[in-house]
Amino acid sequence: MSAELKGKVLVVEDLIDYHEGSVVSKEIIGKDNGTVTIFAFDKGEGLSEHTAPFDAMVQIVKGKAEIVISGHKNVVNSGEMIIMPAGDPHALNALERFKMILTMIRS
C-alpha cells in the first residue's frame, strides 16, 4: 500500500479508473496474511473460472457483476457482497462496467 492512502478518507470508486476492453486492478493492502485489492471491469470483461485456497469476499462498489460459484450464477449489484468459498471454482463477468473490492484473508 502506498503511504499516500494511509490515514485518509478515500472515495473507493475514485481509487481506480476503467480502461476500455480491460480489467484493471490495484492492491490497496498487501500483507502475508491477506490482501485487499480494488478492480475495475469494463462491460463484457471478466475473470475466467479458477479456484483460490482461501475464502474471498467481493464487494461491488459500483455497477453489476455476474459471479458464478460452482456453476451457480449470482447477480451482485452495487452495495452488495458475496463470499466465494475456498476451493470452489468461480468466475466473474461484467454485466455492465463495475468496480469491486476483493478481500482475501489467508489462514
N, C-alpha and C. Protein backbone atom coordinates (compact mmCIF):
# COMPACT_ATOMS: atom_id res chain seq x y z
N MET A 1 0.86 -1.17 0.00
CA MET A 1 0.00 0.00 0.00
C MET A 1 0.90 1.23 0.00
N SER A 2 0.51 2.16 -0.82
CA SER A 2 1.30 3.38 -0.86
C SER A 2 0.96 4.27 0.33
N ALA A 3 1.95 4.98 0.80
CA ALA A 3 1.81 5.81 2.00
C ALA A 3 0.75 6.89 1.85
N GLU A 4 0.50 7.36 0.61
CA GLU A 4 -0.47 8.44 0.43
C GLU A 4 -1.92 8.01 0.71
N LEU A 5 -2.17 6.72 0.83
CA LEU A 5 -3.52 6.23 1.13
C LEU A 5 -3.77 6.10 2.63
N LYS A 6 -2.72 5.98 3.40
CA LYS A 6 -2.87 5.72 4.83
C LYS A 6 -3.39 6.95 5.58
N GLY A 7 -4.33 6.72 6.50
CA GLY A 7 -4.82 7.76 7.40
C GLY A 7 -5.69 8.81 6.74
N LYS A 8 -6.23 8.52 5.56
CA LYS A 8 -7.05 9.48 4.84
C LYS A 8 -8.40 8.88 4.50
N VAL A 9 -9.40 9.72 4.44
CA VAL A 9 -10.71 9.30 3.96
C VAL A 9 -10.63 9.21 2.44
N LEU A 10 -11.02 8.06 1.89
CA LEU A 10 -10.90 7.82 0.46
C LEU A 10 -12.26 7.51 -0.15
N VAL A 11 -12.51 7.97 -1.35
CA VAL A 11 -13.69 7.60 -2.12
C VAL A 11 -13.30 6.38 -2.94
N VAL A 12 -13.86 5.24 -2.60
CA VAL A 12 -13.43 3.97 -3.16
C VAL A 12 -13.45 3.99 -4.68
N GLU A 13 -14.54 4.43 -5.28
CA GLU A 13 -14.63 4.35 -6.73
C GLU A 13 -13.66 5.28 -7.45
N ASP A 14 -13.08 6.24 -6.73
CA ASP A 14 -12.08 7.13 -7.33
C ASP A 14 -10.67 6.55 -7.28
N LEU A 15 -10.48 5.42 -6.62
CA LEU A 15 -9.15 4.83 -6.49
C LEU A 15 -8.66 4.14 -7.76
N ILE A 16 -9.59 3.86 -8.68
CA ILE A 16 -9.23 3.14 -9.90
C ILE A 16 -10.14 3.60 -11.03
N ASP A 17 -9.60 3.63 -12.24
CA ASP A 17 -10.36 4.04 -13.42
C ASP A 17 -10.63 2.85 -14.32
N TYR A 18 -11.71 2.93 -15.08
CA TYR A 18 -11.99 1.93 -16.11
C TYR A 18 -11.04 2.14 -17.28
N HIS A 19 -10.71 1.04 -17.96
CA HIS A 19 -9.97 1.10 -19.20
C HIS A 19 -10.73 0.25 -20.21
N GLU A 20 -11.01 0.81 -21.36
CA GLU A 20 -11.83 0.14 -22.36
C GLU A 20 -11.26 -1.24 -22.69
N GLY A 21 -12.16 -2.24 -22.66
CA GLY A 21 -11.78 -3.60 -23.01
C GLY A 21 -10.85 -4.29 -22.03
N SER A 22 -10.82 -3.82 -20.78
CA SER A 22 -9.83 -4.35 -19.84
C SER A 22 -10.40 -4.58 -18.44
N VAL A 23 -9.64 -5.33 -17.68
CA VAL A 23 -9.82 -5.46 -16.24
C VAL A 23 -8.58 -4.85 -15.61
N VAL A 24 -8.79 -3.91 -14.71
CA VAL A 24 -7.68 -3.21 -14.06
C VAL A 24 -7.74 -3.50 -12.57
N SER A 25 -6.59 -3.70 -11.95
CA SER A 25 -6.58 -3.94 -10.50
C SER A 25 -5.49 -3.12 -9.83
N LYS A 26 -5.71 -2.85 -8.55
CA LYS A 26 -4.74 -2.10 -7.75
C LYS A 26 -4.80 -2.64 -6.32
N GLU A 27 -3.69 -3.16 -5.84
CA GLU A 27 -3.64 -3.66 -4.47
C GLU A 27 -3.61 -2.47 -3.52
N ILE A 28 -4.54 -2.48 -2.56
CA ILE A 28 -4.64 -1.42 -1.57
C ILE A 28 -3.88 -1.79 -0.31
N ILE A 29 -4.02 -3.04 0.10
CA ILE A 29 -3.28 -3.57 1.26
C ILE A 29 -2.72 -4.92 0.85
N GLY A 30 -1.46 -5.13 1.08
CA GLY A 30 -0.83 -6.41 0.79
C GLY A 30 0.01 -6.85 1.97
N LYS A 31 -0.44 -7.89 2.63
CA LYS A 31 0.27 -8.44 3.78
C LYS A 31 0.43 -9.95 3.58
N ASP A 32 1.30 -10.57 4.35
CA ASP A 32 1.48 -12.01 4.25
C ASP A 32 0.19 -12.78 4.54
N ASN A 33 -0.64 -12.22 5.42
CA ASN A 33 -1.86 -12.94 5.81
C ASN A 33 -3.10 -12.50 5.05
N GLY A 34 -2.96 -11.61 4.07
CA GLY A 34 -4.13 -11.25 3.27
C GLY A 34 -3.91 -10.01 2.42
N THR A 35 -4.87 -9.80 1.51
CA THR A 35 -4.80 -8.65 0.61
C THR A 35 -6.18 -8.02 0.46
N VAL A 36 -6.16 -6.74 0.13
CA VAL A 36 -7.36 -6.01 -0.28
C VAL A 36 -6.99 -5.36 -1.61
N THR A 37 -7.78 -5.69 -2.64
CA THR A 37 -7.50 -5.22 -3.98
C THR A 37 -8.76 -4.63 -4.58
N ILE A 38 -8.63 -3.51 -5.28
CA ILE A 38 -9.77 -2.92 -5.98
C ILE A 38 -9.61 -3.22 -7.47
N PHE A 39 -10.74 -3.52 -8.11
CA PHE A 39 -10.77 -3.85 -9.53
C PHE A 39 -11.76 -2.95 -10.24
N ALA A 40 -11.50 -2.70 -11.53
CA ALA A 40 -12.45 -2.04 -12.43
C ALA A 40 -12.56 -2.92 -13.68
N PHE A 41 -13.78 -3.35 -13.99
CA PHE A 41 -14.05 -4.21 -15.14
C PHE A 41 -14.84 -3.42 -16.18
N ASP A 42 -14.39 -3.41 -17.41
CA ASP A 42 -15.19 -2.84 -18.48
C ASP A 42 -16.32 -3.83 -18.81
N LYS A 43 -17.43 -3.33 -19.35
CA LYS A 43 -18.56 -4.19 -19.70
C LYS A 43 -18.09 -5.31 -20.63
N GLY A 44 -18.54 -6.53 -20.32
CA GLY A 44 -18.20 -7.68 -21.13
C GLY A 44 -16.90 -8.36 -20.75
N GLU A 45 -16.13 -7.75 -19.87
CA GLU A 45 -14.87 -8.35 -19.43
C GLU A 45 -15.11 -9.25 -18.22
N GLY A 46 -14.13 -10.04 -17.85
CA GLY A 46 -14.30 -10.90 -16.70
C GLY A 46 -13.02 -11.62 -16.32
N LEU A 47 -13.17 -12.51 -15.36
CA LEU A 47 -12.09 -13.40 -14.94
C LEU A 47 -12.60 -14.82 -15.15
N SER A 48 -11.84 -15.63 -15.87
CA SER A 48 -12.26 -16.99 -16.17
C SER A 48 -12.29 -17.83 -14.89
N GLU A 49 -12.95 -18.97 -14.99
CA GLU A 49 -13.12 -19.84 -13.83
C GLU A 49 -11.76 -20.25 -13.25
N HIS A 50 -11.67 -20.15 -11.95
CA HIS A 50 -10.47 -20.52 -11.22
C HIS A 50 -10.86 -20.85 -9.78
N THR A 51 -9.90 -21.30 -9.00
CA THR A 51 -10.14 -21.55 -7.58
C THR A 51 -9.11 -20.78 -6.77
N ALA A 52 -9.40 -20.62 -5.50
CA ALA A 52 -8.47 -19.99 -4.57
C ALA A 52 -8.42 -20.85 -3.31
N PRO A 53 -7.26 -20.91 -2.67
CA PRO A 53 -7.14 -21.76 -1.49
C PRO A 53 -7.76 -21.16 -0.23
N PHE A 54 -8.27 -19.93 -0.32
CA PHE A 54 -8.86 -19.25 0.84
C PHE A 54 -10.18 -18.61 0.44
N ASP A 55 -11.07 -18.42 1.41
CA ASP A 55 -12.29 -17.67 1.14
C ASP A 55 -11.93 -16.30 0.62
N ALA A 56 -12.76 -15.78 -0.29
CA ALA A 56 -12.54 -14.44 -0.84
C ALA A 56 -13.87 -13.70 -0.84
N MET A 57 -13.86 -12.47 -0.33
CA MET A 57 -15.08 -11.66 -0.28
C MET A 57 -15.02 -10.58 -1.36
N VAL A 58 -16.08 -10.50 -2.15
CA VAL A 58 -16.21 -9.47 -3.19
C VAL A 58 -17.30 -8.50 -2.76
N GLN A 59 -16.97 -7.21 -2.77
CA GLN A 59 -17.93 -6.14 -2.51
C GLN A 59 -18.03 -5.31 -3.78
N ILE A 60 -19.24 -5.19 -4.33
CA ILE A 60 -19.43 -4.38 -5.53
C ILE A 60 -19.61 -2.93 -5.10
N VAL A 61 -18.73 -2.07 -5.59
CA VAL A 61 -18.74 -0.66 -5.24
C VAL A 61 -19.66 0.11 -6.18
N LYS A 62 -19.62 -0.26 -7.46
CA LYS A 62 -20.42 0.43 -8.47
C LYS A 62 -20.68 -0.53 -9.62
N GLY A 63 -21.91 -0.56 -10.13
CA GLY A 63 -22.23 -1.40 -11.27
C GLY A 63 -22.83 -2.74 -10.89
N LYS A 64 -22.71 -3.70 -11.82
CA LYS A 64 -23.34 -5.01 -11.63
C LYS A 64 -22.47 -6.10 -12.25
N ALA A 65 -22.31 -7.19 -11.50
CA ALA A 65 -21.48 -8.31 -11.94
C ALA A 65 -22.25 -9.62 -11.83
N GLU A 66 -21.89 -10.55 -12.69
CA GLU A 66 -22.35 -11.93 -12.54
C GLU A 66 -21.17 -12.70 -11.98
N ILE A 67 -21.39 -13.32 -10.82
CA ILE A 67 -20.35 -14.11 -10.18
C ILE A 67 -20.86 -15.54 -10.09
N VAL A 68 -20.16 -16.43 -10.77
CA VAL A 68 -20.55 -17.84 -10.84
C VAL A 68 -19.69 -18.61 -9.85
N ILE A 69 -20.34 -19.31 -8.92
CA ILE A 69 -19.64 -20.12 -7.93
C ILE A 69 -20.13 -21.55 -8.06
N SER A 70 -19.23 -22.45 -8.39
CA SER A 70 -19.57 -23.87 -8.57
C SER A 70 -20.78 -24.04 -9.49
N GLY A 71 -20.80 -23.28 -10.58
CA GLY A 71 -21.86 -23.38 -11.57
C GLY A 71 -23.11 -22.58 -11.27
N HIS A 72 -23.23 -22.01 -10.08
CA HIS A 72 -24.42 -21.23 -9.70
C HIS A 72 -24.17 -19.75 -10.00
N LYS A 73 -25.05 -19.18 -10.85
CA LYS A 73 -24.91 -17.77 -11.23
C LYS A 73 -25.54 -16.86 -10.18
N ASN A 74 -24.79 -15.84 -9.79
CA ASN A 74 -25.26 -14.83 -8.84
C ASN A 74 -25.09 -13.46 -9.48
N VAL A 75 -26.14 -12.63 -9.46
CA VAL A 75 -26.02 -11.26 -9.90
C VAL A 75 -25.80 -10.41 -8.65
N VAL A 76 -24.69 -9.69 -8.62
CA VAL A 76 -24.32 -8.91 -7.46
C VAL A 76 -24.27 -7.44 -7.89
N ASN A 77 -25.03 -6.61 -7.19
CA ASN A 77 -25.20 -5.21 -7.54
C ASN A 77 -24.41 -4.29 -6.61
N SER A 78 -24.32 -3.05 -7.02
CA SER A 78 -23.67 -2.01 -6.22
C SER A 78 -24.19 -2.06 -4.78
N GLY A 79 -23.28 -2.06 -3.83
CA GLY A 79 -23.65 -2.10 -2.41
C GLY A 79 -23.84 -3.49 -1.86
N GLU A 80 -23.69 -4.52 -2.71
CA GLU A 80 -23.85 -5.91 -2.25
C GLU A 80 -22.49 -6.60 -2.23
N MET A 81 -22.46 -7.75 -1.55
CA MET A 81 -21.23 -8.54 -1.45
C MET A 81 -21.55 -10.02 -1.52
N ILE A 82 -20.54 -10.81 -1.81
CA ILE A 82 -20.67 -12.26 -1.83
C ILE A 82 -19.33 -12.86 -1.40
N ILE A 83 -19.39 -13.99 -0.72
CA ILE A 83 -18.17 -14.69 -0.30
C ILE A 83 -18.01 -15.93 -1.17
N MET A 84 -16.86 -16.02 -1.80
CA MET A 84 -16.55 -17.17 -2.65
C MET A 84 -15.75 -18.15 -1.79
N PRO A 85 -16.32 -19.34 -1.55
CA PRO A 85 -15.66 -20.29 -0.65
C PRO A 85 -14.34 -20.83 -1.20
N ALA A 86 -13.41 -21.07 -0.32
CA ALA A 86 -12.12 -21.66 -0.68
C ALA A 86 -12.35 -22.97 -1.42
N GLY A 87 -11.60 -23.17 -2.50
CA GLY A 87 -11.64 -24.42 -3.24
C GLY A 87 -12.77 -24.54 -4.24
N ASP A 88 -13.79 -23.69 -4.17
CA ASP A 88 -14.91 -23.75 -5.12
C ASP A 88 -14.54 -22.97 -6.38
N PRO A 89 -14.77 -23.56 -7.56
CA PRO A 89 -14.47 -22.82 -8.78
C PRO A 89 -15.40 -21.61 -8.91
N HIS A 90 -14.84 -20.49 -9.34
CA HIS A 90 -15.64 -19.28 -9.50
C HIS A 90 -15.12 -18.46 -10.68
N ALA A 91 -16.02 -17.63 -11.23
CA ALA A 91 -15.69 -16.76 -12.35
C ALA A 91 -16.48 -15.47 -12.19
N LEU A 92 -15.99 -14.39 -12.79
CA LEU A 92 -16.66 -13.09 -12.72
C LEU A 92 -16.86 -12.56 -14.13
N ASN A 93 -18.03 -11.96 -14.36
CA ASN A 93 -18.35 -11.37 -15.65
C ASN A 93 -19.02 -10.02 -15.43
N ALA A 94 -18.62 -9.03 -16.23
CA ALA A 94 -19.18 -7.68 -16.11
C ALA A 94 -20.45 -7.56 -16.94
N LEU A 95 -21.61 -7.55 -16.27
CA LEU A 95 -22.88 -7.33 -16.96
C LEU A 95 -22.97 -5.88 -17.44
N GLU A 96 -22.28 -5.02 -16.71
CA GLU A 96 -22.06 -3.62 -17.06
C GLU A 96 -20.73 -3.25 -16.42
N ARG A 97 -20.22 -2.09 -16.73
CA ARG A 97 -18.98 -1.69 -16.05
C ARG A 97 -19.19 -1.79 -14.54
N PHE A 98 -18.20 -2.35 -13.85
CA PHE A 98 -18.32 -2.39 -12.39
C PHE A 98 -16.96 -2.28 -11.73
N LYS A 99 -17.02 -1.83 -10.47
CA LYS A 99 -15.84 -1.77 -9.62
C LYS A 99 -16.11 -2.60 -8.38
N MET A 100 -15.08 -3.28 -7.91
CA MET A 100 -15.26 -4.14 -6.74
C MET A 100 -14.02 -4.11 -5.87
N ILE A 101 -14.23 -4.48 -4.62
CA ILE A 101 -13.14 -4.69 -3.68
C ILE A 101 -13.09 -6.19 -3.39
N LEU A 102 -11.90 -6.77 -3.56
CA LEU A 102 -11.66 -8.18 -3.25
C LEU A 102 -10.83 -8.24 -1.98
N THR A 103 -11.36 -8.90 -0.95
CA THR A 103 -10.64 -9.10 0.30
C THR A 103 -10.36 -10.59 0.47
N MET A 104 -9.11 -10.93 0.59
CA MET A 104 -8.74 -12.33 0.79
C MET A 104 -7.86 -12.42 2.04
N ILE A 105 -8.31 -13.24 2.98
CA ILE A 105 -7.57 -13.47 4.22
C ILE A 105 -6.99 -14.88 4.15
N ARG A 106 -5.69 -14.97 4.25
CA ARG A 106 -5.02 -16.28 4.21
C ARG A 106 -4.84 -16.76 5.66
N SER A 107 -5.31 -17.97 5.90
CA SER A 107 -5.12 -18.54 7.24
C SER A 107 -5.14 -20.04 7.18
